[in-house]
């Protein structure tokens, strides 16, 4: 019971911290202009080499009727000097044989998201219901990045997986 409460408090703290960073940097601020404005016509942030990616809502990919996979999150923050910190966590409904969160760095090329080659990290545990971890990667200043996370569990003969995506940040 205490372990579950600790995880909930940790998840809430991480979410509030991420939201605070977004609000402090102005990330997530959007215009109330027409909803059909394309990313290519959006105003660039100072230092950005591409237009900002389109706003995405409901980025969590874990939905559906899973037997063991409960939830998962991923976050990204630009920490300066071209460095980006990614984090990911996966939660199962009960202890499983293998539980994993694999984070992938993705770059917005001005029209779509692409995986950055060689920029992934896996966090795995066995006989557990929770795993999390952080990784730091180097990006190119002026581009937008996000984190993609593969949440995976296996137990007995059952394997389940889902993806989630973070909000985007401008690398500086």
Foldseek 3Di string as FASTA:
>chain_A
DVVVVVVVVVVVVVVVVQVVVCVVVVNPDDDPPDPPDAQQPADPDVQAPARDHDDDPPQFWDDDDDPWWDGKDKEWDAPAPQKIKIKMKTFTPAFAAKKKKKKFKWWDPRHDIDTDPPGMDMWMDGRDGMTMDMDMDGHDANIKMKIKMWTWTDHDHDIDITIGIYGIDGHD
